[in-house]
PDB file of N, CA and C in Angstrom:
ATOM      1  N   UNK A   1     124.036 -34.130-173.993  1.00  0.00           N
ATOM      2  CA  UNK A   1     123.192 -34.220-172.825  1.00  0.00           C
ATOM      3  C   UNK A   1     122.361 -35.493-172.916  1.00  0.00           C
ATOM      4  N   UNK A   2     122.263 -36.200-171.830  1.00  0.00           N
ATOM      5  CA  UNK A   2     121.506 -37.450-171.795  1.00  0.00           C
ATOM      6  C   UNK A   2     120.007 -37.166-171.789  1.00  0.00           C
ATOM      7  N   UNK A   3     119.288 -38.051-172.422  1.00  0.00           N
ATOM      8  CA  UNK A   3     117.833 -37.947-172.456  1.00  0.00           C
ATOM      9  C   UNK A   3     117.285 -38.290-171.073  1.00  0.00           C
ATOM     10  N   UNK A   4     116.245 -37.604-170.656  1.00  0.00           N
ATOM     11  CA  UNK A   4     115.625 -37.879-169.361  1.00  0.00           C
ATOM     12  C   UNK A   4     115.077 -39.298-169.333  1.00  0.00           C
ATOM     13  N   UNK A   5     115.215 -39.945-168.192  1.00  0.00           N
ATOM     14  CA  UNK A   5     114.710 -41.312-168.036  1.00  0.00           C
ATOM     15  C   UNK A   5     113.192 -41.301-167.911  1.00  0.00           C
ATOM     16  N   UNK A   6     112.596 -42.341-168.429  1.00  0.00           N
ATOM     17  CA  UNK A   6     111.145 -42.518-168.317  1.00  0.00           C
ATOM     18  C   UNK A   6     110.891 -43.263-167.014  1.00  0.00           C
ATOM     19  N   UNK A   7     110.029 -42.718-166.187  1.00  0.00           N
ATOM     20  CA  UNK A   7     109.693 -43.332-164.901  1.00  0.00           C
ATOM     21  C   UNK A   7     108.961 -44.652-165.129  1.00  0.00           C
ATOM     22  N   UNK A   8     109.149 -45.584-164.186  1.00  0.00           N
ATOM     23  CA  UNK A   8     108.505 -46.892-164.307  1.00  0.00           C
ATOM     24  C   UNK A   8     106.992 -46.776-164.490  1.00  0.00           C
ATOM     25  N   UNK A   9     106.350 -45.941-163.712  1.00  0.00           N
ATOM     26  CA  UNK A   9     104.895 -45.800-163.812  1.00  0.00           C
ATOM     27  C   UNK A   9     104.448 -45.347-165.192  1.00  0.00           C
ATOM     28  N   UNK A  10     105.141 -44.374-165.754  1.00  0.00           N
ATOM     29  CA  UNK A  10     104.801 -43.865-167.084  1.00  0.00           C
ATOM     30  C   UNK A  10     105.071 -44.916-168.161  1.00  0.00           C
ATOM     31  N   UNK A  11     106.213 -45.598-168.043  1.00  0.00           N
ATOM     32  CA  UNK A  11     106.559 -46.619-169.023  1.00  0.00           C
ATOM     33  C   UNK A  11     105.608 -47.801-169.003  1.00  0.00           C
ATOM     34  N   UNK A  12     105.293 -48.279-167.809  1.00  0.00           N
ATOM     35  CA  UNK A  12     104.383 -49.428-167.691  1.00  0.00           C
ATOM     36  C   UNK A  12     102.976 -49.077-168.153  1.00  0.00           C
ATOM     37  N   UNK A  13     102.537 -47.849-167.869  1.00  0.00           N
ATOM     38  CA  UNK A  13     101.214 -47.409-168.341  1.00  0.00           C
ATOM     39  C   UNK A  13     101.185 -47.355-169.868  1.00  0.00           C
ATOM     40  N   UNK A  14     102.261 -46.890-170.471  1.00  0.00           N
ATOM     41  CA  UNK A  14     102.332 -46.827-171.938  1.00  0.00           C
ATOM     42  C   UNK A  14     102.315 -48.230-172.533  1.00  0.00           C
ATOM     43  N   UNK A  15     103.044 -49.160-171.915  1.00  0.00           N
ATOM     44  CA  UNK A  15     103.045 -50.541-172.398  1.00  0.00           C
ATOM     45  C   UNK A  15     101.641 -51.128-172.320  1.00  0.00           C
ATOM     46  N   UNK A  16     100.955 -50.901-171.205  1.00  0.00           N
ATOM     47  CA  UNK A  16      99.590 -51.433-171.035  1.00  0.00           C
ATOM     48  C   UNK A  16      98.657 -50.887-172.110  1.00  0.00           C
ATOM     49  N   UNK A  17      98.757 -49.610-172.413  1.00  0.00           N
ATOM     50  CA  UNK A  17      97.918 -49.021-173.465  1.00  0.00           C
ATOM     51  C   UNK A  17      98.265 -49.607-174.828  1.00  0.00           C
ATOM     52  N   UNK A  18      99.547 -49.778-175.087  1.00  0.00           N
ATOM     53  CA  UNK A  18      99.973 -50.343-176.369  1.00  0.00           C
ATOM     54  C   UNK A  18      99.462 -51.772-176.515  1.00  0.00           C
ATOM     55  N   UNK A  19      99.548 -52.557-175.455  1.00  0.00           N
ATOM     56  CA  UNK A  19      99.075 -53.942-175.507  1.00  0.00           C
ATOM     57  C   UNK A  19      97.566 -54.015-175.689  1.00  0.00           C
ATOM     58  N   UNK A  20      96.852 -53.029-175.162  1.00  0.00           N
ATOM     59  CA  UNK A  20      95.398 -52.994-175.289  1.00  0.00           C
ATOM     60  C   UNK A  20      94.958 -52.462-176.652  1.00  0.00           C
ATOM     61  N   UNK A  21      95.921 -52.004-177.455  1.00  0.00           N
ATOM     62  CA  UNK A  21      95.589 -51.450-178.762  1.00  0.00           C
ATOM     63  C   UNK A  21      95.036 -50.045-178.662  1.00  0.00           C
ATOM     64  N   UNK A  22      95.289 -49.390-177.531  1.00  0.00           N
ATOM     65  CA  UNK A  22      94.732 -48.072-177.271  1.00  0.00           C
ATOM     66  C   UNK A  22      95.838 -47.023-177.180  1.00  0.00           C
ATOM     67  N   UNK A  23      96.846 -47.135-178.052  1.00  0.00           N
ATOM     68  CA  UNK A  23      97.992 -46.232-177.962  1.00  0.00           C
ATOM     69  C   UNK A  23      98.098 -45.349-179.193  1.00  0.00           C
ATOM     70  N   UNK A  24      98.187 -44.043-178.947  1.00  0.00           N
ATOM     71  CA  UNK A  24      98.486 -43.134-180.050  1.00  0.00           C
ATOM     72  C   UNK A  24     100.004 -43.132-180.256  1.00  0.00           C
ATOM     73  N   UNK A  25     100.471 -42.367-181.188  1.00  0.00           N
ATOM     74  CA  UNK A  25     101.899 -42.359-181.532  1.00  0.00           C
ATOM     75  C   UNK A  25     102.786 -41.980-180.339  1.00  0.00           C
ATOM     76  N   UNK A  26     102.370 -41.004-179.547  1.00  0.00           N
ATOM     77  CA  UNK A  26     103.163 -40.565-178.400  1.00  0.00           C
ATOM     78  C   UNK A  26     103.262 -41.655-177.339  1.00  0.00           C
ATOM     79  N   UNK A  27     102.172 -42.347-177.093  1.00  0.00           N
ATOM     80  CA  UNK A  27     102.171 -43.425-176.104  1.00  0.00           C
ATOM     81  C   UNK A  27     103.027 -44.592-176.598  1.00  0.00           C
ATOM     82  N   UNK A  28     102.902 -44.928-177.873  1.00  0.00           N
ATOM     83  CA  UNK A  28     103.718 -45.991-178.452  1.00  0.00           C
ATOM     84  C   UNK A  28     105.205 -45.638-178.348  1.00  0.00           C
ATOM     85  N   UNK A  29     105.534 -44.398-178.615  1.00  0.00           N
ATOM     86  CA  UNK A  29     106.923 -43.943-178.496  1.00  0.00           C
ATOM     87  C   UNK A  29     107.428 -44.093-177.063  1.00  0.00           C
ATOM     88  N   UNK A  30     106.598 -43.748-176.095  1.00  0.00           N
ATOM     89  CA  UNK A  30     106.996 -43.886-174.692  1.00  0.00           C
ATOM     90  C   UNK A  30     107.217 -45.349-174.330  1.00  0.00           C
ATOM     91  N   UNK A  31     106.339 -46.230-174.776  1.00  0.00           N
ATOM     92  CA  UNK A  31     106.492 -47.664-174.493  1.00  0.00           C
ATOM     93  C   UNK A  31     107.789 -48.197-175.091  1.00  0.00           C
ATOM     94  N   UNK A  32     108.078 -47.830-176.319  1.00  0.00           N
ATOM     95  CA  UNK A  32     109.308 -48.284-176.982  1.00  0.00           C
ATOM     96  C   UNK A  32     110.532 -47.734-176.260  1.00  0.00           C
ATOM     97  N   UNK A  33     110.542 -46.451-175.988  1.00  0.00           N
ATOM     98  CA  UNK A  33     111.707 -45.835-175.339  1.00  0.00           C
ATOM     99  C   UNK A  33     111.926 -46.402-173.935  1.00  0.00           C
ATOM    100  N   UNK A  34     110.841 -46.658-173.221  1.00  0.00           N
ATOM    101  CA  UNK A  34     110.961 -47.225-171.881  1.00  0.00           C
ATOM    102  C   UNK A  34     111.562 -48.626-171.929  1.00  0.00           C
ATOM    103  N   UNK A  35     111.092 -49.464-172.831  1.00  0.00           N
ATOM    104  CA  UNK A  35     111.614 -50.828-172.902  1.00  0.00           C
ATOM    105  C   UNK A  35     113.056 -50.843-173.408  1.00  0.00           C
ATOM    106  N   UNK A  36     113.402 -49.972-174.329  1.00  0.00           N
ATOM    107  CA  UNK A  36     114.792 -49.877-174.771  1.00  0.00           C
ATOM    108  C   UNK A  36     115.688 -49.355-173.641  1.00  0.00           C
ATOM    109  N   UNK A  37     115.181 -48.434-172.873  1.00  0.00           N
ATOM    110  CA  UNK A  37     115.900 -47.928-171.706  1.00  0.00           C
ATOM    111  C   UNK A  37     116.185 -49.086-170.746  1.00  0.00           C
ATOM    112  N   UNK A  38     115.195 -49.930-170.532  1.00  0.00           N
ATOM    113  CA  UNK A  38     115.360 -51.080-169.646  1.00  0.00           C
ATOM    114  C   UNK A  38     116.384 -52.065-170.228  1.00  0.00           C
ATOM    115  N   UNK A  39     116.332 -52.307-171.531  1.00  0.00           N
ATOM    116  CA  UNK A  39     117.311 -53.189-172.178  1.00  0.00           C
ATOM    117  C   UNK A  39     118.728 -52.676-171.939  1.00  0.00           C
ATOM    118  N   UNK A  40     118.943 -51.384-172.136  1.00  0.00           N
ATOM    119  CA  UNK A  40     120.267 -50.798-171.932  1.00  0.00           C
ATOM    120  C   UNK A  40     120.699 -50.903-170.468  1.00  0.00           C
ATOM    121  N   UNK A  41     119.748 -50.867-169.548  1.00  0.00           N
ATOM    122  CA  UNK A  41     120.069 -51.010-168.127  1.00  0.00           C
ATOM    123  C   UNK A  41     120.538 -52.424-167.791  1.00  0.00           C
ATOM    124  N   UNK A  42     119.884 -53.430-168.364  1.00  0.00           N
ATOM    125  CA  UNK A  42     120.219 -54.810-168.004  1.00  0.00           C
ATOM    126  C   UNK A  42     121.388 -55.363-168.815  1.00  0.00           C
ATOM    127  N   UNK A  43     121.689 -54.737-169.938  1.00  0.00           N
ATOM    128  CA  UNK A  43     122.802 -55.191-170.786  1.00  0.00           C
ATOM    129  C   UNK A  43     123.637 -53.985-171.216  1.00  0.00           C
ATOM    130  N   UNK A  44     124.302 -53.325-170.255  1.00  0.00           N
ATOM    131  CA  UNK A  44     125.067 -52.131-170.604  1.00  0.00           C
ATOM    132  C   UNK A  44     126.227 -52.457-171.538  1.00  0.00           C
ATOM    133  N   UNK A  45     126.534 -51.531-172.390  1.00  0.00           N
ATOM    134  CA  UNK A  45     127.646 -51.700-173.315  1.00  0.00           C
ATOM    135  C   UNK A  45     127.401 -50.941-174.599  1.00  0.00           C
ATOM    136  N   UNK A  46     128.286 -51.176-175.569  1.00  0.00           N
ATOM    137  CA  UNK A  46     128.215 -50.441-176.838  1.00  0.00           C
ATOM    138  C   UNK A  46     128.468 -51.338-178.036  1.00  0.00           C
ATOM    139  N   UNK A  47     128.246 -52.625-177.890  1.00  0.00           N
ATOM    140  CA  UNK A  47     128.564 -53.561-178.963  1.00  0.00           C
ATOM    141  C   UNK A  47     127.428 -53.759-179.949  1.00  0.00           C
ATOM    142  N   UNK A  48     126.184 -53.695-179.482  1.00  0.00           N
ATOM    143  CA  UNK A  48     125.015 -53.918-180.335  1.00  0.00           C
ATOM    144  C   UNK A  48     124.152 -52.668-180.317  1.00  0.00           C
ATOM    145  N   UNK A  49     123.729 -52.248-181.494  1.00  0.00           N
ATOM    146  CA  UNK A  49     122.783 -51.139-181.575  1.00  0.00           C
ATOM    147  C   UNK A  49     121.420 -51.703-181.907  1.00  0.00           C
ATOM    148  N   UNK A  50     120.442 -51.415-181.055  1.00  0.00           N
ATOM    149  CA  UNK A  50     119.063 -51.861-181.265  1.00  0.00           C
ATOM    150  C   UNK A  50     118.270 -50.645-181.715  1.00  0.00           C
ATOM    151  N   UNK A  51     117.680 -50.767-182.911  1.00  0.00           N
ATOM    152  CA  UNK A  51     116.940 -49.655-183.515  1.00  0.00           C
ATOM    153  C   UNK A  51     115.473 -50.014-183.662  1.00  0.00           C
ATOM    154  N   UNK A  52     114.617 -49.088-183.216  1.00  0.00           N
ATOM    155  CA  UNK A  52     113.177 -49.216-183.405  1.00  0.00           C
ATOM    156  C   UNK A  52     112.710 -47.886-183.995  1.00  0.00           C
ATOM    157  N   UNK A  53     112.902 -47.741-185.318  1.00  0.00           N
ATOM    158  CA  UNK A  53     112.547 -46.469-185.948  1.00  0.00           C
ATOM    159  C   UNK A  53     111.030 -46.292-186.007  1.00  0.00           C
ATOM    160  N   UNK A  54     110.561 -45.086-185.923  1.00  0.00           N
ATOM    161  CA  UNK A  54     111.299 -43.831-185.805  1.00  0.00           C
ATOM    162  C   UNK A  54     111.477 -43.380-184.361  1.00  0.00           C
ATOM    163  N   UNK A  55     111.255 -44.271-183.410  1.00  0.00           N
ATOM    164  CA  UNK A  55     111.163 -43.856-182.015  1.00  0.00           C
ATOM    165  C   UNK A  55     112.481 -43.767-181.250  1.00  0.00           C
ATOM    166  N   UNK A  56     113.355 -44.749-181.390  1.00  0.00           N
ATOM    167  CA  UNK A  56     114.572 -44.727-180.572  1.00  0.00           C
ATOM    168  C   UNK A  56     115.564 -45.779-181.032  1.00  0.00           C
ATOM    169  N   UNK A  57     116.778 -45.632-180.526  1.00  0.00           N
ATOM    170  CA  UNK A  57     117.839 -46.619-180.706  1.00  0.00           C
ATOM    171  C   UNK A  57     118.711 -46.563-179.463  1.00  0.00           C
ATOM    172  N   UNK A  58     119.229 -47.717-179.066  1.00  0.00           N
ATOM    173  CA  UNK A  58     120.156 -47.768-177.935  1.00  0.00           C
ATOM    174  C   UNK A  58     121.323 -48.665-178.289  1.00  0.00           C
ATOM    175  N   UNK A  59     122.430 -48.408-177.641  1.00  0.00           N
ATOM    176  CA  UNK A  59     123.563 -49.314-177.731  1.00  0.00           C
ATOM    177  C   UNK A  59     123.612 -50.094-176.426  1.00  0.00           C
ATOM    178  N   UNK A  60     123.902 -51.380-176.539  1.00  0.00           N
ATOM    179  CA  UNK A  60     123.910 -52.246-175.375  1.00  0.00           C
ATOM    180  C   UNK A  60     124.861 -53.410-175.605  1.00  0.00           C
ATOM    181  N   UNK A  61     124.998 -54.264-174.656  1.00  0.00           N
ATOM    182  CA  UNK A  61     125.787 -55.490-174.649  1.00  0.00           C
ATOM    183  C   UNK A  61     127.283 -55.168-174.542  1.00  0.00           C
ATOM    184  N   UNK A  62     127.905 -55.781-173.550  1.00  0.00           N
ATOM    185  CA  UNK A  62     129.340 -55.599-173.332  1.00  0.00           C
ATOM    186  C   UNK A  62     130.152 -56.104-174.515  1.00  0.00           C
ATOM    187  N   UNK A  63     131.282 -55.482-174.720  1.00  0.00           N
ATOM    188  CA  UNK A  63     132.176 -55.885-175.796  1.00  0.00           C
ATOM    189  C   UNK A  63     132.849 -54.673-176.396  1.00  0.00           C
ATOM    190  N   UNK A  64     133.417 -54.840-177.571  1.00  0.00           N
ATOM    191  CA  UNK A  64     134.125 -53.724-178.206  1.00  0.00           C
ATOM    192  C   UNK A  64     133.192 -52.535-178.448  1.00  0.00           C
ATOM    193  N   UNK A  65     133.687 -51.363-178.186  1.00  0.00           N
ATOM    194  CA  UNK A  65     132.904 -50.137-178.365  1.00  0.00           C
ATOM    195  C   UNK A  65     132.947 -49.712-179.824  1.00  0.00           C
ATOM    196  N   UNK A  66     131.789 -49.348-180.343  1.00  0.00           N
ATOM    197  CA  UNK A  66     131.683 -48.843-181.711  1.00  0.00           C
ATOM    198  C   UNK A  66     131.810 -47.324-181.670  1.00  0.00           C
ATOM    199  N   UNK A  67     132.609 -46.736-182.582  1.00  0.00           N
ATOM    200  CA  UNK A  67     132.804 -45.286-182.547  1.00  0.00           C
ATOM    201  C   UNK A  67     132.429 -44.539-183.822  1.00  0.00           C
ATOM    202  N   UNK A  68     132.461 -45.176-184.983  1.00  0.00           N
ATOM    203  CA  UNK A  68     132.175 -44.447-186.232  1.00  0.00           C
ATOM    204  C   UNK A  68     131.402 -45.294-187.221  1.00  0.00           C
ATOM    205  N   UNK A  69     130.585 -44.621-188.031  1.00  0.00           N
ATOM    206  CA  UNK A  69     129.876 -45.311-189.111  1.00  0.00           C
ATOM    207  C   UNK A  69     128.811 -46.263-188.597  1.00  0.00           C
ATOM    208  N   UNK A  70     128.419 -47.175-189.458  1.00  0.00           N
ATOM    209  CA  UNK A  70     127.409 -48.157-189.097  1.00  0.00           C
ATOM    210  C   UNK A  70     128.017 -49.193-188.158  1.00  0.00           C
ATOM    211  N   UNK A  71     127.374 -49.436-187.019  1.00  0.00           N
ATOM    212  CA  UNK A  71     127.903 -50.423-186.085  1.00  0.00           C
ATOM    213  C   UNK A  71     127.953 -51.814-186.715  1.00  0.00           C
ATOM    214  N   UNK A  72     128.898 -52.651-186.306  1.00  0.00           N
ATOM    215  CA  UNK A  72     128.996 -53.997-186.867  1.00  0.00           C
ATOM    216  C   UNK A  72     127.876 -54.936-186.410  1.00  0.00           C
ATOM    217  N   UNK A  73     127.214 -54.604-185.314  1.00  0.00           N
ATOM    218  CA  UNK A  73     126.139 -55.438-184.776  1.00  0.00           C
ATOM    219  C   UNK A  73     124.888 -54.576-184.626  1.00  0.00           C
ATOM    220  N   UNK A  74     123.923 -54.800-185.512  1.00  0.00           N
ATOM    221  CA  UNK A  74     122.710 -53.986-185.532  1.00  0.00           C
ATOM    222  C   UNK A  74     121.488 -54.894-185.520  1.00  0.00           C
ATOM    223  N   UNK A  75     120.517 -54.517-184.691  1.00  0.00           N
ATOM    224  CA  UNK A  75     119.224 -55.196-184.651  1.00  0.00           C
ATOM    225  C   UNK A  75     118.179 -54.119-184.899  1.00  0.00           C
ATOM    226  N   UNK A  76     117.293 -54.356-185.868  1.00  0.00           N
ATOM    227  CA  UNK A  76     116.283 -53.353-186.197  1.00  0.00           C
ATOM    228  C   UNK A  76     114.934 -54.025-186.411  1.00  0.00           C
ATOM    229  N   UNK A  77     113.888 -53.353-185.937  1.00  0.00           N
ATOM    230  CA  UNK A  77     112.522 -53.862-186.095  1.00  0.00           C
ATOM    231  C   UNK A  77     111.537 -52.728-185.867  1.00  0.00           C
ATOM    232  N   UNK A  78     110.269 -52.996-186.181  1.00  0.00           N
ATOM    233  CA  UNK A  78     109.238 -51.986-185.940  1.00  0.00           C
ATOM    234  C   UNK A  78     108.805 -52.028-184.475  1.00  0.00           C
ATOM    235  N   UNK A  79     108.038 -51.036-184.074  1.00  0.00           N
ATOM    236  CA  UNK A  79     107.632 -50.885-182.680  1.00  0.00           C
ATOM    237  C   UNK A  79     106.785 -52.047-182.180  1.00  0.00           C
ATOM    238  N   UNK A  80     105.850 -52.505-182.981  1.00  0.00           N
ATOM    239  CA  UNK A  80     104.970 -53.598-182.561  1.00  0.00           C
ATOM    240  C   UNK A  80     105.779 -54.869-182.305  1.00  0.00           C
ATOM    241  N   UNK A  81     106.705 -55.166-183.192  1.00  0.00           N
ATOM    242  CA  UNK A  81     107.559 -56.344-183.017  1.00  0.00           C
ATOM    243  C   UNK A  81     108.407 -56.202-181.764  1.00  0.00           C
ATOM    244  N   UNK A  82     109.028 -55.036-181.577  1.00  0.00           N
ATOM    245  CA  UNK A  82     109.873 -54.832-180.406  1.00  0.00           C
ATOM    246  C   UNK A  82     109.086 -55.024-179.113  1.00  0.00           C
ATOM    247  N   UNK A  83     107.912 -54.428-179.027  1.00  0.00           N
ATOM    248  CA  UNK A  83     107.139 -54.551-177.791  1.00  0.00           C
ATOM    249  C   UNK A  83     106.703 -55.992-177.558  1.00  0.00           C
ATOM    250  N   UNK A  84     106.370 -56.717-178.609  1.00  0.00           N
ATOM    251  CA  UNK A  84     106.007 -58.130-178.461  1.00  0.00           C
ATOM    252  C   UNK A  84     107.199 -58.949-177.969  1.00  0.00           C
ATOM    253  N   UNK A  85     108.383 -58.673-178.485  1.00  0.00           N
ATOM    254  CA  UNK A  85     109.588 -59.357-178.011  1.00  0.00           C
ATOM    255  C   UNK A  85     109.883 -58.986-176.560  1.00  0.00           C
ATOM    256  N   UNK A  86     109.783 -57.707-176.250  1.00  0.00           N
ATOM    257  CA  UNK A  86     110.081 -57.235-174.896  1.00  0.00           C
ATOM    258  C   UNK A  86     109.138 -57.844-173.865  1.00  0.00           C
ATOM    259  N   UNK A  87     107.890 -58.046-174.234  1.00  0.00           N
ATOM    260  CA  UNK A  87     106.891 -58.585-173.309  1.00  0.00           C
ATOM    261  C   UNK A  87     106.790 -60.110-173.356  1.00  0.00           C
ATOM    262  N   UNK A  88     107.408 -60.735-174.344  1.00  0.00           N
ATOM    263  CA  UNK A  88     107.396 -62.189-174.411  1.00  0.00           C
ATOM    264  C   UNK A  88     106.220 -62.786-175.149  1.00  0.00           C
ATOM    265  N   UNK A  89     105.465 -61.971-175.856  1.00  0.00           N
ATOM    266  CA  UNK A  89     104.355 -62.502-176.651  1.00  0.00           C
ATOM    267  C   UNK A  89     104.810 -62.957-178.026  1.00  0.00           C
ATOM    268  N   UNK A  90     106.071 -62.701-178.337  1.00  0.00           N
ATOM    269  CA  UNK A  90     106.704 -63.139-179.572  1.00  0.00           C
ATOM    270  C   UNK A  90     108.111 -63.590-179.227  1.00  0.00           C
ATOM    271  N   UNK A  91     108.505 -64.731-179.728  1.00  0.00           N
ATOM    272  CA  UNK A  91     109.842 -65.237-179.466  1.00  0.00           C
ATOM    273  C   UNK A  91     110.851 -64.733-180.483  1.00  0.00           C
ATOM    274  N   UNK A  92     112.106 -64.672-180.073  1.00  0.00           N
ATOM    275  CA  UNK A  92     113.182 -64.198-180.931  1.00  0.00           C
ATOM    276  C   UNK A  92     113.281 -65.027-182.213  1.00  0.00           C
ATOM    277  N   UNK A  93     113.320 -66.342-182.076  1.00  0.00           N
ATOM    278  CA  UNK A  93     113.452 -67.214-183.253  1.00  0.00           C
ATOM    279  C   UNK A  93     112.273 -67.044-184.197  1.00  0.00           C
ATOM    280  N   UNK A  94     111.085 -66.946-183.635  1.00  0.00           N
ATOM    281  CA  UNK A  94     109.875 -66.761-184.438  1.00  0.00           C
ATOM    282  C   UNK A  94     109.928 -65.434-185.210  1.00  0.00           C
ATOM    283  N   UNK A  95     110.343 -64.379-184.539  1.00  0.00           N
ATOM    284  CA  UNK A  95     110.425 -63.063-185.190  1.00  0.00           C
ATOM    285  C   UNK A  95     111.480 -63.060-186.291  1.00  0.00           C
ATOM    286  N   UNK A  96     112.615 -63.704-186.030  1.00  0.00           N
ATOM    287  CA  UNK A  96     113.671 -63.789-187.049  1.00  0.00           C
ATOM    288  C   UNK A  96     113.206 -64.590-188.254  1.00  0.00           C
ATOM    289  N   UNK A  97     112.537 -65.721-188.005  1.00  0.00           N
ATOM    290  CA  UNK A  97     112.064 -66.574-189.097  1.00  0.00           C
ATOM    291  C   UNK A  97     111.025 -65.859-189.954  1.00  0.00           C
ATOM    292  N   UNK A  98     110.219 -65.012-189.329  1.00  0.00           N
ATOM    293  CA  UNK A  98     109.185 -64.275-190.053  1.00  0.00           C
ATOM    294  C   UNK A  98     109.743 -63.059-190.784  1.00  0.00           C
ATOM    295  N   UNK A  99     111.000 -62.736-190.534  1.00  0.00           N
ATOM    296  CA  UNK A  99     111.596 -61.564-191.168  1.00  0.00           C
ATOM    297  C   UNK A  99     111.213 -60.263-190.497  1.00  0.00           C
ATOM    298  N   UNK A 100     110.664 -60.333-189.292  1.00  0.00           N
ATOM    299  CA  UNK A 100     110.247 -59.128-188.563  1.00  0.00           C
ATOM    300  C   UNK A 100     111.409 -58.423-187.887  1.00  0.00           C
ATOM    301  N   UNK A 101     112.499 -59.159-187.685  1.00  0.00           N
ATOM    302  CA  UNK A 101     113.699 -58.611-187.068  1.00  0.00           C
ATOM    303  C   UNK A 101     114.832 -58.733-188.070  1.00  0.00           C
ATOM    304  N   UNK A 102     115.529 -57.634-188.270  1.00  0.00           N
ATOM    305  CA  UNK A 102     116.710 -57.636-189.125  1.00  0.00           C
ATOM    306  C   UNK A 102     117.913 -57.508-188.201  1.00  0.00           C
ATOM    307  N   UNK A 103     118.757 -58.533-188.184  1.00  0.00           N
ATOM    308  CA  UNK A 103     119.914 -58.537-187.301  1.00  0.00           C
ATOM    309  C   UNK A 103     121.161 -58.875-188.105  1.00  0.00           C
ATOM    310  N   UNK A 104     122.202 -58.095-187.891  1.00  0.00           N
ATOM    311  CA  UNK A 104     123.467 -58.360-188.569  1.00  0.00           C
ATOM    312  C   UNK A 104     124.590 -58.260-187.559  1.00  0.00           C
ATOM    313  N   UNK A 105     125.581 -59.083-187.735  1.00  0.00           N
ATOM    314  CA  UNK A 105     126.729 -59.088-186.847  1.00  0.00           C
ATOM    315  C   UNK A 105     126.734 -60.309-185.953  1.00  0.00           C
ATOM    316  N   UNK A 106     127.912 -60.677-185.513  1.00  0.00           N
ATOM    317  CA  UNK A 106     128.076 -61.895-184.723  1.00  0.00           C
ATOM    318  C   UNK A 106     127.480 -61.805-183.325  1.00  0.00           C
ATOM    319  N   UNK A 107     127.238 -60.607-182.831  1.00  0.00           N
ATOM    320  CA  UNK A 107     126.676 -60.435-181.482  1.00  0.00           C
ATOM    321  C   UNK A 107     125.235 -59.926-181.499  1.00  0.00           C
ATOM    322  N   UNK A 108     124.617 -59.900-182.661  1.00  0.00           N
ATOM    323  CA  UNK A 108     123.280 -59.317-182.809  1.00  0.00           C
ATOM    324  C   UNK A 108     122.180 -60.324-182.519  1.00  0.00           C
ATOM    325  N   UNK A 109     122.277 -60.984-181.381  1.00  0.00           N
ATOM    326  CA  UNK A 109     121.275 -61.958-180.948  1.00  0.00           C
ATOM    327  C   UNK A 109     120.816 -61.553-179.555  1.00  0.00           C
ATOM    328  N   UNK A 110     119.569 -61.145-179.431  1.00  0.00           N
ATOM    329  CA  UNK A 110     119.038 -60.678-178.151  1.00  0.00           C
ATOM    330  C   UNK A 110     118.241 -61.756-177.416  1.00  0.00           C
ATOM    331  N   UNK A 111     118.260 -62.972-177.915  1.00  0.00           N
ATOM    332  CA  UNK A 111     117.411 -64.024-177.357  1.00  0.00           C
ATOM    333  C   UNK A 111     117.657 -64.266-175.870  1.00  0.00           C
ATOM    334  N   UNK A 112     118.874 -64.065-175.399  1.00  0.00           N
ATOM    335  CA  UNK A 112     119.174 -64.306-173.979  1.00  0.00           C
ATOM    336  C   UNK A 112     118.693 -63.160-173.091  1.00  0.00           C
ATOM    337  N   UNK A 113     118.316 -62.037-173.683  1.00  0.00           N
ATOM    338  CA  UNK A 113     117.884 -60.873-172.916  1.00  0.00           C
ATOM    339  C   UNK A 113     116.371 -60.680-172.921  1.00  0.00           C
ATOM    340  N   UNK A 114     115.691 -61.429-173.776  1.00  0.00           N
ATOM    341  CA  UNK A 114     114.242 -61.250-173.963  1.00  0.00           C
ATOM    342  C   UNK A 114     113.486 -62.491-173.516  1.00  0.00           C
ATOM    343  N   UNK A 115     112.282 -62.336-172.996  1.00  0.00           N
ATOM    344  CA  UNK A 115     111.585 -61.075-172.740  1.00  0.00           C
ATOM    345  C   UNK A 115     112.220 -60.316-171.584  1.00  0.00           C
ATOM    346  N   UNK A 116     111.960 -59.025-171.549  1.00  0.00           N
ATOM    347  CA  UNK A 116     112.482 -58.178-170.474  1.00  0.00           C
ATOM    348  C   UNK A 116     111.729 -58.465-169.190  1.00  0.00           C
ATOM    349  N   UNK A 117     112.433 -58.405-168.100  1.00  0.00           N
ATOM    350  CA  UNK A 117     111.792 -58.525-166.780  1.00  0.00           C
ATOM    351  C   UNK A 117     111.552 -57.107-166.275  1.00  0.00           C
ATOM    352  N   UNK A 118     110.388 -56.600-166.570  1.00  0.00           N
ATOM    353  CA  UNK A 118     110.060 -55.220-166.204  1.00  0.00           C
ATOM    354  C   UNK A 118     109.519 -55.175-164.793  1.00  0.00           C
ATOM    355  N   UNK A 119     109.739 -54.056-164.098  1.00  0.00           N
ATOM    356  CA  UNK A 119     109.191 -53.924-162.737  1.00  0.00           C
ATOM    357  C   UNK A 119     107.669 -53.923-162.782  1.00  0.00           C
ATOM    358  N   UNK A 120     107.077 -54.499-161.771  1.00  0.00           N
ATOM    359  CA  UNK A 120     105.604 -54.535-161.723  1.00  0.00           C
ATOM    360  C   UNK A 120     105.057 -53.587-160.701  1.00  0.00           C
TER     361      UNK A 120
END
């Protein structure tokens, strides 16, 4: 069964609270899940798995579908890093150079998709 979608109003409110530093764990989880949901919407597919533990993971980007074991293209980071990348307050190259993003695989580059263009 598919997980229920997070409404734009709820997701944007969670992002605003997270950016203000006023987010508890549940609000942070909503912000992460909403932005990952948006990423999967703009880059549908199953080639890259983006993980933001412990909150969520999505598969995205067109290409070969992964079916078993560890995907060949994985991007993983913490929630604060992900939200900064999604909002554009942190650049992909900067995050990679700092070691804040762990990416493996030939397609594990999200630089062309970030920052996300979220509805206002």
